[in-house]
Amino acid sequence: MPYVNIKVTKEGVTAEQKERLIRGVTQLLVDVLGKRPQTIQVVIDEVETDNWGVGGETVTERRKRGD
């Protein structure tokens, strides 16, 4: 039973984009690993940019600078 966890920053990912991610990842596991779609679990976690760090600083601060 494959389990995939996708983490994205909480910055306007639409419901349609999430549905496309879930369908796409599911299909990838079917195609590559031969898994049955009914057994595949995909979870998308949206993380506030203040709670995500890159290079020792929050994504919020990086975005303020335009990084």
C-alpha atoms as a PDB file:
ATOM      1  CA  MET A   1       0.000   0.000   0.000  1.00  0.00           C
ATOM      2  CA  PRO A   2       2.041   2.998  -1.241  1.00  0.00           C
ATOM      3  CA  TYR A   3       1.804   6.230   0.718  1.00  0.00           C
ATOM      4  CA  VAL A   4       3.023   9.502  -0.784  1.00  0.00           C
ATOM      5  CA  ASN A   5       3.229  12.734   1.214  1.00  0.00           C
ATOM      6  CA  ILE A   6       3.559  15.975  -0.741  1.00  0.00           C
ATOM      7  CA  LYS A   7       4.435  19.124   1.163  1.00  0.00           C
ATOM      8  CA  VAL A   8       3.902  22.549  -0.380  1.00  0.00           C
ATOM      9  CA  THR A   9       3.934  26.043   1.030  1.00  0.00           C
ATOM     10  CA  LYS A  10       0.498  27.409   1.763  1.00  0.00           C
ATOM     11  CA  GLU A  11       0.390  29.977  -1.007  1.00  0.00           C
ATOM     12  CA  GLY A  12      -2.705  29.512  -3.089  1.00  0.00           C
ATOM     13  CA  VAL A  13      -2.465  25.958  -4.385  1.00  0.00           C
ATOM     14  CA  THR A  14      -5.915  25.458  -5.834  1.00  0.00           C
ATOM     15  CA  ALA A  15      -8.201  22.482  -5.290  1.00  0.00           C
ATOM     16  CA  GLU A  16      -7.845  21.681  -9.001  1.00  0.00           C
ATOM     17  CA  GLN A  17      -4.043  21.641  -8.744  1.00  0.00           C
ATOM     18  CA  LYS A  18      -4.232  19.319  -5.738  1.00  0.00           C
ATOM     19  CA  GLU A  19      -6.577  16.979  -7.602  1.00  0.00           C
ATOM     20  CA  ARG A  20      -4.153  16.946 -10.546  1.00  0.00           C
ATOM     21  CA  LEU A  21      -1.250  16.136  -8.210  1.00  0.00           C
ATOM     22  CA  ILE A  22      -3.174  13.278  -6.626  1.00  0.00           C
ATOM     23  CA  ARG A  23      -4.201  11.843 -10.005  1.00  0.00           C
ATOM     24  CA  GLY A  24      -0.715  12.306 -11.470  1.00  0.00           C
ATOM     25  CA  VAL A  25       1.163  10.724  -8.574  1.00  0.00           C
ATOM     26  CA  THR A  26      -1.299   7.845  -8.477  1.00  0.00           C
ATOM     27  CA  GLN A  27      -0.846   7.235 -12.205  1.00  0.00           C
ATOM     28  CA  LEU A  28       2.936   7.412 -11.853  1.00  0.00           C
ATOM     29  CA  LEU A  29       2.907   4.655  -9.228  1.00  0.00           C
ATOM     30  CA  VAL A  30       0.608   2.574 -11.424  1.00  0.00           C
ATOM     31  CA  ASP A  31       2.894   3.035 -14.451  1.00  0.00           C
ATOM     32  CA  VAL A  32       6.274   2.651 -12.731  1.00  0.00           C
ATOM     33  CA  LEU A  33       5.556   0.177  -9.945  1.00  0.00           C
ATOM     34  CA  GLY A  34       2.492  -1.609 -11.277  1.00  0.00           C
ATOM     35  CA  LYS A  35       0.461  -0.735  -8.175  1.00  0.00           C
ATOM     36  CA  ARG A  36      -3.327  -0.823  -8.071  1.00  0.00           C
ATOM     37  CA  PRO A  37      -4.776   2.704  -7.816  1.00  0.00           C
ATOM     38  CA  GLN A  38      -7.139   1.567  -5.051  1.00  0.00           C
ATOM     39  CA  THR A  39      -4.170   0.915  -2.755  1.00  0.00           C
ATOM     40  CA  ILE A  40      -2.357   4.233  -3.306  1.00  0.00           C
ATOM     41  CA  GLN A  41      -2.645   6.968  -0.707  1.00  0.00           C
ATOM     42  CA  VAL A  42      -1.591  10.542  -1.476  1.00  0.00           C
ATOM     43  CA  VAL A  43      -1.596  13.254   1.194  1.00  0.00           C
ATOM     44  CA  ILE A  44      -0.892  16.929   0.506  1.00  0.00           C
ATOM     45  CA  ASP A  45       0.242  19.030   3.463  1.00  0.00           C
ATOM     46  CA  GLU A  46       0.170  22.799   3.122  1.00  0.00           C
ATOM     47  CA  VAL A  47       2.778  24.433   5.349  1.00  0.00           C
ATOM     48  CA  GLU A  48       2.798  28.094   6.338  1.00  0.00           C
ATOM     49  CA  THR A  49       5.880  29.850   4.943  1.00  0.00           C
ATOM     50  CA  ASP A  50       6.878  30.852   8.495  1.00  0.00           C
ATOM     51  CA  ASN A  51       7.153  27.116   9.286  1.00  0.00           C
ATOM     52  CA  TRP A  52       9.363  26.194   6.316  1.00  0.00           C
ATOM     53  CA  GLY A  53      13.057  26.995   6.386  1.00  0.00           C
ATOM     54  CA  VAL A  54      15.663  27.003   3.622  1.00  0.00           C
ATOM     55  CA  GLY A  55      19.292  27.910   4.183  1.00  0.00           C
ATOM     56  CA  GLY A  56      18.714  28.933   7.782  1.00  0.00           C
ATOM     57  CA  GLU A  57      15.801  31.290   7.208  1.00  0.00           C
ATOM     58  CA  THR A  58      12.068  31.067   6.700  1.00  0.00           C
ATOM     59  CA  VAL A  59      10.514  30.993   3.270  1.00  0.00           C
ATOM     60  CA  THR A  60       8.573  34.114   4.328  1.00  0.00           C
ATOM     61  CA  GLU A  61      11.825  36.074   4.654  1.00  0.00           C
ATOM     62  CA  ARG A  62      13.217  34.672   1.413  1.00  0.00           C
ATOM     63  CA  ARG A  63      10.044  35.659  -0.444  1.00  0.00           C
ATOM     64  CA  LYS A  64      10.255  39.206   0.936  1.00  0.00           C
ATOM     65  CA  ARG A  65      13.655  39.497  -0.754  1.00  0.00           C
ATOM     66  CA  GLY A  66      12.354  37.988  -3.965  1.00  0.00           C
ATOM     67  CA  ASP A  67      14.183  34.640  -3.644  1.00  0.00           C
END
